[in-house]
Amino acid sequence: MRIAVCDDEKMERESLCQEIRRAWADAEIEEFESGVRIHEQIRKGAYYDIVFLDILLDDSNGIEISRKERAANKRRYNNWMFQKVMSGRQHSV
């Protein structure tokens, strides 16, 4: 299983990757600190079974990235997870 994790906060990104590895030890995880970077990779043809996106990124908005990708690749991407860290607690949507 290929999983992408995009969060501009390094500690949050690493924490989520640890949780994913606990749940899916054999998962291949690619980390991104930029919404622009993950968008570029997907446009180049990279495929992920699950994409975790921070809602508020320094350079973009995770929800907008998912909308653009779903519009461009209607059948390719359906498994988008959004996360927002508030007061030291992580919330997935």
C-alpha atoms as a PDB file:
ATOM      1  CA  MET A   1       0.000   0.000   0.000  1.00  0.00           C
ATOM      2  CA  ARG A   2       1.333   3.445  -0.939  1.00  0.00           C
ATOM      3  CA  ILE A   3       0.507   6.297   1.407  1.00  0.00           C
ATOM      4  CA  ALA A   4       1.313  10.004   1.099  1.00  0.00           C
ATOM      5  CA  VAL A   5       1.545  12.236   4.164  1.00  0.00           C
ATOM      6  CA  CYS A   6       1.611  15.985   3.644  1.00  0.00           C
ATOM      7  CA  ASP A   7       2.087  18.310   6.609  1.00  0.00           C
ATOM      8  CA  ASP A   8       4.272  21.391   6.871  1.00  0.00           C
ATOM      9  CA  GLU A   9       4.890  20.688  10.576  1.00  0.00           C
ATOM     10  CA  LYS A  10       7.745  18.157  10.756  1.00  0.00           C
ATOM     11  CA  MET A  11       6.824  16.753  14.185  1.00  0.00           C
ATOM     12  CA  GLU A  12       3.185  16.244  13.191  1.00  0.00           C
ATOM     13  CA  ARG A  13       4.194  14.596   9.913  1.00  0.00           C
ATOM     14  CA  GLU A  14       6.602  12.235  11.675  1.00  0.00           C
ATOM     15  CA  SER A  15       4.027  11.411  14.366  1.00  0.00           C
ATOM     16  CA  LEU A  16       1.406  10.506  11.780  1.00  0.00           C
ATOM     17  CA  CYS A  17       3.919   8.376   9.868  1.00  0.00           C
ATOM     18  CA  GLN A  18       4.679   6.449  13.067  1.00  0.00           C
ATOM     19  CA  GLU A  19       0.982   5.773  13.601  1.00  0.00           C
ATOM     20  CA  ILE A  20       0.596   4.611  10.018  1.00  0.00           C
ATOM     21  CA  ARG A  21       3.584   2.255  10.354  1.00  0.00           C
ATOM     22  CA  ARG A  22       2.004   0.744  13.471  1.00  0.00           C
ATOM     23  CA  ALA A  23      -1.233   0.120  11.606  1.00  0.00           C
ATOM     24  CA  TRP A  24       0.297  -0.947   8.265  1.00  0.00           C
ATOM     25  CA  ALA A  25       3.852  -2.174   8.795  1.00  0.00           C
ATOM     26  CA  ASP A  26       4.322  -2.957   5.098  1.00  0.00           C
ATOM     27  CA  ALA A  27       3.067   0.427   3.843  1.00  0.00           C
ATOM     28  CA  GLU A  28       5.305   2.517   1.632  1.00  0.00           C
ATOM     29  CA  ILE A  29       5.038   6.075   2.969  1.00  0.00           C
ATOM     30  CA  GLU A  30       6.123   9.180   1.097  1.00  0.00           C
ATOM     31  CA  GLU A  31       6.351  12.372   3.134  1.00  0.00           C
ATOM     32  CA  PHE A  32       5.734  15.885   1.853  1.00  0.00           C
ATOM     33  CA  GLU A  33       6.142  19.182   3.691  1.00  0.00           C
ATOM     34  CA  SER A  34       4.575  21.205   0.901  1.00  0.00           C
ATOM     35  CA  GLY A  35       1.174  21.089  -0.743  1.00  0.00           C
ATOM     36  CA  VAL A  36       2.758  22.290  -3.969  1.00  0.00           C
ATOM     37  CA  ARG A  37       5.203  19.367  -3.886  1.00  0.00           C
ATOM     38  CA  ILE A  38       2.571  16.641  -3.435  1.00  0.00           C
ATOM     39  CA  HIS A  39       0.441  18.256  -6.134  1.00  0.00           C
ATOM     40  CA  GLU A  40       3.451  18.167  -8.515  1.00  0.00           C
ATOM     41  CA  GLN A  41       4.147  14.496  -7.742  1.00  0.00           C
ATOM     42  CA  ILE A  42       0.548  13.482  -8.401  1.00  0.00           C
ATOM     43  CA  ARG A  43       0.529  15.460 -11.659  1.00  0.00           C
ATOM     44  CA  LYS A  44       3.691  13.588 -12.700  1.00  0.00           C
ATOM     45  CA  GLY A  45       1.818  10.309 -12.249  1.00  0.00           C
ATOM     46  CA  ALA A  46       2.574   9.279  -8.659  1.00  0.00           C
ATOM     47  CA  TYR A  47      -0.225   7.183  -7.202  1.00  0.00           C
ATOM     48  CA  TYR A  48      -1.127   6.722  -3.532  1.00  0.00           C
ATOM     49  CA  ASP A  49      -3.766   4.419  -2.077  1.00  0.00           C
ATOM     50  CA  ILE A  50      -4.346   6.883   0.767  1.00  0.00           C
ATOM     51  CA  VAL A  51      -3.413  10.569   1.003  1.00  0.00           C
ATOM     52  CA  PHE A  52      -3.223  12.345   4.369  1.00  0.00           C
ATOM     53  CA  LEU A  53      -3.248  16.132   3.994  1.00  0.00           C
ATOM     54  CA  ASP A  54      -2.971  18.857   6.569  1.00  0.00           C
ATOM     55  CA  ILE A  55      -5.832  21.285   6.064  1.00  0.00           C
ATOM     56  CA  LEU A  56      -3.739  24.414   6.598  1.00  0.00           C
ATOM     57  CA  LEU A  57      -0.375  24.296   4.863  1.00  0.00           C
ATOM     58  CA  ASP A  58       2.108  27.161   4.582  1.00  0.00           C
ATOM     59  CA  ASP A  59       1.846  27.232   0.800  1.00  0.00           C
ATOM     60  CA  SER A  60      -1.645  25.876   0.108  1.00  0.00           C
ATOM     61  CA  ASN A  61      -4.840  24.366   1.455  1.00  0.00           C
ATOM     62  CA  GLY A  62      -5.235  20.582   1.732  1.00  0.00           C
ATOM     63  CA  ILE A  63      -8.923  20.663   0.884  1.00  0.00           C
ATOM     64  CA  GLU A  64      -8.283  22.657  -2.299  1.00  0.00           C
ATOM     65  CA  ILE A  65      -5.512  20.266  -3.349  1.00  0.00           C
ATOM     66  CA  SER A  66      -7.868  17.300  -2.993  1.00  0.00           C
ATOM     67  CA  ARG A  67     -10.626  19.070  -4.950  1.00  0.00           C
ATOM     68  CA  LYS A  68      -8.256  19.802  -7.836  1.00  0.00           C
ATOM     69  CA  GLU A  69      -6.911  16.264  -7.925  1.00  0.00           C
ATOM     70  CA  ARG A  70     -10.330  14.635  -7.708  1.00  0.00           C
ATOM     71  CA  ALA A  71     -11.593  16.856 -10.518  1.00  0.00           C
ATOM     72  CA  ALA A  72      -8.586  15.999 -12.695  1.00  0.00           C
ATOM     73  CA  ASN A  73      -8.533  12.274 -11.793  1.00  0.00           C
ATOM     74  CA  LYS A  74     -12.166  11.388 -11.141  1.00  0.00           C
ATOM     75  CA  ARG A  75     -11.704   7.651 -10.618  1.00  0.00           C
ATOM     76  CA  ARG A  76      -8.138   7.643  -9.403  1.00  0.00           C
ATOM     77  CA  TYR A  77      -8.363   9.308  -5.992  1.00  0.00           C
ATOM     78  CA  ASN A  78     -11.096   8.685  -3.470  1.00  0.00           C
ATOM     79  CA  ASN A  79      -9.168   8.097  -0.235  1.00  0.00           C
ATOM     80  CA  TRP A  80      -8.298  11.545   1.086  1.00  0.00           C
ATOM     81  CA  MET A  81      -7.853  12.111   4.820  1.00  0.00           C
ATOM     82  CA  PHE A  82      -7.542  15.568   6.299  1.00  0.00           C
ATOM     83  CA  GLN A  83      -5.902  16.426   9.545  1.00  0.00           C
ATOM     84  CA  LYS A  84      -5.766  19.525  11.659  1.00  0.00           C
ATOM     85  CA  VAL A  85      -3.701  19.933  14.779  1.00  0.00           C
ATOM     86  CA  MET A  86      -5.373  22.060  17.427  1.00  0.00           C
ATOM     87  CA  SER A  87      -3.959  22.729  20.895  1.00  0.00           C
ATOM     88  CA  GLY A  88      -1.554  19.827  20.654  1.00  0.00           C
ATOM     89  CA  ARG A  89      -4.264  17.342  19.647  1.00  0.00           C
ATOM     90  CA  GLN A  90      -4.523  15.831  16.233  1.00  0.00           C
ATOM     91  CA  HIS A  91      -7.913  15.583  14.555  1.00  0.00           C
ATOM     92  CA  SER A  92      -8.562  13.589  11.390  1.00  0.00           C
ATOM     93  CA  VAL A  93     -11.563  14.258   9.218  1.00  0.00           C
END
